[in-house]
Amino acid sequence: MKAQSILAAVTLLVAAGTTFAADTNEAAVDQAFRNTGSSTLTRAQVKADTIAARKAGLLDTNEAYQDPAYMAPRAKNAEVKAQLAAKQVKDKTAQ
């Protein structure tokens, strides 16, 4: 019985050890990224390239990284105005 418990414990430790072992491919990629050296571009050049790419539409935009110009207030259409008015009336009657 004692030997069986020890064997089970060792098996679990080995399984846990392999679970936490580092992926060698991931480590190699990380090391290669660190060894790329410093950039030859200045900060101003990087900014200019980024602005040019944004104007050309080459950068992806999404909800998290959207340019503030896209978030400018828009005129509300009649349906939105009606929903807003109905909500305000509902809120007043609830009080």
N, C-alpha and C. Protein backbone atom coordinates (compact mmCIF):
# COMPACT_ATOMS: atom_id res chain seq x y z
N MET A 1 0.82 -1.18 0.00
CA MET A 1 0.00 0.00 0.00
C MET A 1 0.87 1.25 0.00
N LYS A 2 1.95 1.24 0.80
CA LYS A 2 2.83 2.39 0.89
C LYS A 2 3.54 2.61 -0.44
N ALA A 3 3.97 1.54 -1.08
CA ALA A 3 4.66 1.65 -2.37
C ALA A 3 3.72 2.21 -3.43
N GLN A 4 2.47 1.84 -3.38
CA GLN A 4 1.50 2.32 -4.34
C GLN A 4 1.27 3.84 -4.15
N SER A 5 1.24 4.30 -2.93
CA SER A 5 1.07 5.73 -2.64
C SER A 5 2.27 6.52 -3.13
N ILE A 6 3.46 5.96 -2.91
CA ILE A 6 4.68 6.63 -3.36
C ILE A 6 4.71 6.70 -4.88
N LEU A 7 4.35 5.62 -5.53
CA LEU A 7 4.33 5.58 -7.00
C LEU A 7 3.33 6.61 -7.54
N ALA A 8 2.17 6.72 -6.93
CA ALA A 8 1.17 7.68 -7.36
C ALA A 8 1.69 9.11 -7.18
N ALA A 9 2.34 9.38 -6.06
CA ALA A 9 2.88 10.71 -5.79
C ALA A 9 3.96 11.08 -6.80
N VAL A 10 4.85 10.15 -7.10
CA VAL A 10 5.93 10.39 -8.07
C VAL A 10 5.34 10.64 -9.45
N THR A 11 4.33 9.87 -9.81
CA THR A 11 3.69 10.05 -11.12
C THR A 11 3.07 11.44 -11.23
N LEU A 12 2.41 11.88 -10.17
CA LEU A 12 1.81 13.21 -10.19
C LEU A 12 2.87 14.31 -10.26
N LEU A 13 3.98 14.13 -9.55
CA LEU A 13 5.05 15.13 -9.60
C LEU A 13 5.67 15.21 -10.99
N VAL A 14 5.86 14.07 -11.63
CA VAL A 14 6.42 14.07 -12.99
C VAL A 14 5.45 14.74 -13.95
N ALA A 15 4.18 14.44 -13.82
CA ALA A 15 3.19 15.07 -14.70
C ALA A 15 3.15 16.58 -14.49
N ALA A 16 3.22 17.01 -13.25
CA ALA A 16 3.21 18.44 -12.96
C ALA A 16 4.48 19.11 -13.49
N GLY A 17 5.60 18.44 -13.38
CA GLY A 17 6.86 19.00 -13.87
C GLY A 17 6.85 19.21 -15.37
N THR A 18 6.29 18.25 -16.10
CA THR A 18 6.24 18.40 -17.56
C THR A 18 5.24 19.48 -17.96
N THR A 19 4.23 19.69 -17.13
CA THR A 19 3.26 20.74 -17.44
C THR A 19 3.88 22.12 -17.35
N PHE A 20 4.75 22.32 -16.37
CA PHE A 20 5.36 23.62 -16.17
C PHE A 20 6.68 23.81 -16.91
N ALA A 21 7.10 22.82 -17.66
CA ALA A 21 8.35 22.93 -18.41
C ALA A 21 8.19 23.97 -19.51
N ALA A 22 9.27 24.69 -19.79
CA ALA A 22 9.22 25.73 -20.82
C ALA A 22 9.20 25.12 -22.21
N ASP A 23 8.44 25.75 -23.07
CA ASP A 23 8.40 25.33 -24.48
C ASP A 23 9.68 25.84 -25.13
N THR A 24 10.49 24.96 -25.67
CA THR A 24 11.78 25.37 -26.24
C THR A 24 11.61 26.25 -27.45
N ASN A 25 10.56 26.04 -28.24
CA ASN A 25 10.35 26.89 -29.41
C ASN A 25 10.02 28.32 -28.98
N GLU A 26 9.18 28.46 -27.97
CA GLU A 26 8.82 29.78 -27.48
C GLU A 26 10.04 30.49 -26.90
N ALA A 27 10.85 29.76 -26.17
CA ALA A 27 12.06 30.36 -25.60
C ALA A 27 13.02 30.81 -26.69
N ALA A 28 13.13 30.03 -27.76
CA ALA A 28 14.02 30.40 -28.86
C ALA A 28 13.53 31.66 -29.56
N VAL A 29 12.22 31.79 -29.74
CA VAL A 29 11.67 32.99 -30.36
C VAL A 29 11.91 34.20 -29.48
N ASP A 30 11.69 34.05 -28.18
CA ASP A 30 11.93 35.16 -27.27
C ASP A 30 13.39 35.60 -27.31
N GLN A 31 14.29 34.65 -27.32
CA GLN A 31 15.72 34.98 -27.35
C GLN A 31 16.09 35.64 -28.67
N ALA A 32 15.53 35.17 -29.76
CA ALA A 32 15.83 35.78 -31.06
C ALA A 32 15.31 37.21 -31.11
N PHE A 33 14.16 37.46 -30.50
CA PHE A 33 13.60 38.81 -30.48
C PHE A 33 14.51 39.74 -29.68
N ARG A 34 15.04 39.26 -28.56
CA ARG A 34 15.92 40.09 -27.73
C ARG A 34 17.24 40.40 -28.42
N ASN A 35 17.69 39.51 -29.29
CA ASN A 35 18.99 39.66 -29.92
C ASN A 35 18.93 40.44 -31.23
N THR A 36 17.80 41.07 -31.55
CA THR A 36 17.69 41.77 -32.83
C THR A 36 18.48 43.08 -32.84
N GLY A 37 18.87 43.57 -31.70
CA GLY A 37 19.65 44.80 -31.65
C GLY A 37 18.76 46.02 -31.62
N SER A 38 19.37 47.18 -31.65
CA SER A 38 18.60 48.42 -31.57
C SER A 38 18.20 48.87 -32.97
N SER A 39 17.17 49.69 -33.02
CA SER A 39 16.66 50.18 -34.29
C SER A 39 17.58 51.25 -34.85
N THR A 40 17.58 51.37 -36.15
CA THR A 40 18.37 52.42 -36.80
C THR A 40 17.52 53.65 -37.09
N LEU A 41 16.20 53.56 -36.83
CA LEU A 41 15.31 54.68 -37.07
C LEU A 41 15.19 55.55 -35.82
N THR A 42 15.01 56.83 -36.06
CA THR A 42 14.77 57.73 -34.93
C THR A 42 13.30 57.68 -34.55
N ARG A 43 12.97 58.23 -33.39
CA ARG A 43 11.59 58.26 -32.94
C ARG A 43 10.72 59.06 -33.91
N ALA A 44 11.25 60.17 -34.42
CA ALA A 44 10.50 61.00 -35.36
C ALA A 44 10.20 60.23 -36.66
N GLN A 45 11.17 59.43 -37.12
CA GLN A 45 10.94 58.64 -38.33
C GLN A 45 9.86 57.58 -38.11
N VAL A 46 9.87 56.96 -36.94
CA VAL A 46 8.86 55.95 -36.63
C VAL A 46 7.48 56.59 -36.58
N LYS A 47 7.39 57.75 -35.94
CA LYS A 47 6.12 58.46 -35.88
C LYS A 47 5.62 58.83 -37.27
N ALA A 48 6.52 59.33 -38.11
CA ALA A 48 6.14 59.73 -39.47
C ALA A 48 5.67 58.51 -40.27
N ASP A 49 6.36 57.38 -40.14
CA ASP A 49 5.96 56.16 -40.84
C ASP A 49 4.60 55.67 -40.36
N THR A 50 4.36 55.77 -39.06
CA THR A 50 3.08 55.33 -38.50
C THR A 50 1.94 56.21 -39.01
N ILE A 51 2.16 57.52 -39.02
CA ILE A 51 1.12 58.44 -39.51
C ILE A 51 0.85 58.19 -40.99
N ALA A 52 1.90 57.96 -41.77
CA ALA A 52 1.72 57.69 -43.20
C ALA A 52 0.95 56.39 -43.43
N ALA A 53 1.26 55.37 -42.65
CA ALA A 53 0.56 54.10 -42.78
C ALA A 53 -0.90 54.23 -42.37
N ARG A 54 -1.15 55.02 -41.33
CA ARG A 54 -2.53 55.23 -40.88
C ARG A 54 -3.34 55.95 -41.97
N LYS A 55 -2.75 56.99 -42.57
CA LYS A 55 -3.43 57.73 -43.62
C LYS A 55 -3.67 56.87 -44.85
N ALA A 56 -2.75 55.94 -45.12
CA ALA A 56 -2.90 55.05 -46.27
C ALA A 56 -3.86 53.90 -45.99
N GLY A 57 -4.31 53.77 -44.73
CA GLY A 57 -5.25 52.71 -44.38
C GLY A 57 -4.58 51.35 -44.20
N LEU A 58 -3.30 51.35 -43.92
CA LEU A 58 -2.56 50.10 -43.78
C LEU A 58 -2.59 49.53 -42.37
N LEU A 59 -3.05 50.32 -41.40
CA LEU A 59 -3.11 49.85 -40.02
C LEU A 59 -4.51 49.37 -39.70
N ASP A 60 -4.58 48.27 -38.98
CA ASP A 60 -5.88 47.78 -38.54
C ASP A 60 -6.40 48.68 -37.43
N THR A 61 -7.70 48.90 -37.44
CA THR A 61 -8.32 49.64 -36.34
C THR A 61 -9.42 48.78 -35.77
N ASN A 62 -9.61 48.89 -34.48
CA ASN A 62 -10.68 48.16 -33.81
C ASN A 62 -11.17 49.00 -32.65
N GLU A 63 -12.06 48.45 -31.85
CA GLU A 63 -12.64 49.22 -30.76
C GLU A 63 -11.60 49.70 -29.75
N ALA A 64 -10.58 48.89 -29.51
CA ALA A 64 -9.60 49.23 -28.49
C ALA A 64 -8.57 50.24 -28.98
N TYR A 65 -8.23 50.20 -30.25
CA TYR A 65 -7.16 51.04 -30.78
C TYR A 65 -7.66 51.92 -31.91
N GLN A 66 -8.75 52.59 -31.70
CA GLN A 66 -9.29 53.40 -32.77
C GLN A 66 -8.79 54.83 -32.63
N ASP A 67 -8.59 55.46 -33.75
CA ASP A 67 -8.12 56.83 -33.76
C ASP A 67 -9.21 57.75 -33.20
N PRO A 68 -8.87 58.72 -32.38
CA PRO A 68 -9.89 59.60 -31.81
C PRO A 68 -10.74 60.32 -32.86
N ALA A 69 -10.19 60.54 -34.05
CA ALA A 69 -10.96 61.22 -35.09
C ALA A 69 -12.19 60.42 -35.48
N TYR A 70 -12.13 59.10 -35.36
CA TYR A 70 -13.27 58.26 -35.70
C TYR A 70 -14.34 58.32 -34.60
N MET A 71 -13.98 58.77 -33.43
CA MET A 71 -14.91 58.77 -32.31
C MET A 71 -15.60 60.12 -32.13
N ALA A 72 -15.55 60.96 -33.16
CA ALA A 72 -16.20 62.27 -33.07
C ALA A 72 -17.71 62.07 -32.96
N PRO A 73 -18.39 62.96 -32.24
CA PRO A 73 -19.84 62.82 -32.09
C PRO A 73 -20.53 62.90 -33.45
N ARG A 74 -21.54 62.06 -33.60
CA ARG A 74 -22.31 62.06 -34.85
C ARG A 74 -23.69 62.64 -34.58
N ALA A 75 -24.30 63.14 -35.64
CA ALA A 75 -25.67 63.64 -35.52
C ALA A 75 -26.60 62.45 -35.29
N LYS A 76 -27.56 62.62 -34.41
CA LYS A 76 -28.48 61.53 -34.10
C LYS A 76 -29.61 61.52 -35.12
N ASN A 77 -29.96 60.32 -35.57
CA ASN A 77 -31.09 60.22 -36.50
C ASN A 77 -32.40 60.21 -35.72
N ALA A 78 -33.49 60.24 -36.43
CA ALA A 78 -34.81 60.36 -35.81
C ALA A 78 -35.12 59.18 -34.89
N GLU A 79 -34.71 57.98 -35.28
CA GLU A 79 -35.00 56.80 -34.46
C GLU A 79 -34.29 56.88 -33.10
N VAL A 80 -33.04 57.30 -33.13
CA VAL A 80 -32.28 57.42 -31.89
C VAL A 80 -32.89 58.51 -31.00
N LYS A 81 -33.28 59.62 -31.61
CA LYS A 81 -33.90 60.70 -30.84
C LYS A 81 -35.20 60.23 -30.19
N ALA A 82 -35.99 59.44 -30.92
CA ALA A 82 -37.25 58.92 -30.37
C ALA A 82 -36.98 57.98 -29.20
N GLN A 83 -35.97 57.11 -29.33
CA GLN A 83 -35.63 56.20 -28.24
C GLN A 83 -35.16 56.98 -27.00
N LEU A 84 -34.37 58.01 -27.23
CA LEU A 84 -33.88 58.82 -26.11
C LEU A 84 -35.04 59.54 -25.41
N ALA A 85 -35.96 60.09 -26.19
CA ALA A 85 -37.12 60.78 -25.60
C ALA A 85 -37.98 59.81 -24.82
N ALA A 86 -38.20 58.60 -25.34
CA ALA A 86 -39.00 57.60 -24.65
C ALA A 86 -38.33 57.18 -23.34
N LYS A 87 -37.02 57.06 -23.35
CA LYS A 87 -36.30 56.67 -22.13
C LYS A 87 -36.40 57.78 -21.08
N GLN A 88 -36.29 59.02 -21.52
CA GLN A 88 -36.38 60.13 -20.57
C GLN A 88 -37.77 60.20 -19.95
N VAL A 89 -38.82 59.95 -20.75
CA VAL A 89 -40.18 59.95 -20.22
C VAL A 89 -40.35 58.80 -19.24
N LYS A 90 -39.81 57.64 -19.59
CA LYS A 90 -39.90 56.47 -18.70
C LYS A 90 -39.19 56.74 -17.38
N ASP A 91 -38.01 57.36 -17.45
CA ASP A 91 -37.25 57.66 -16.24
C ASP A 91 -38.00 58.65 -15.34
N LYS A 92 -38.68 59.64 -15.94
CA LYS A 92 -39.43 60.63 -15.16
C LYS A 92 -40.62 59.99 -14.47
N THR A 93 -41.29 59.06 -15.16
CA THR A 93 -42.46 58.41 -14.55
C THR A 93 -42.04 57.41 -13.48
N ALA A 94 -40.84 56.89 -13.56
CA ALA A 94 -40.37 55.92 -12.56
C ALA A 94 -40.03 56.61 -11.25
N GLN A 95 -39.72 57.87 -11.31
CA GLN A 95 -39.35 58.60 -10.09
C GLN A 95 -40.57 58.98 -9.38
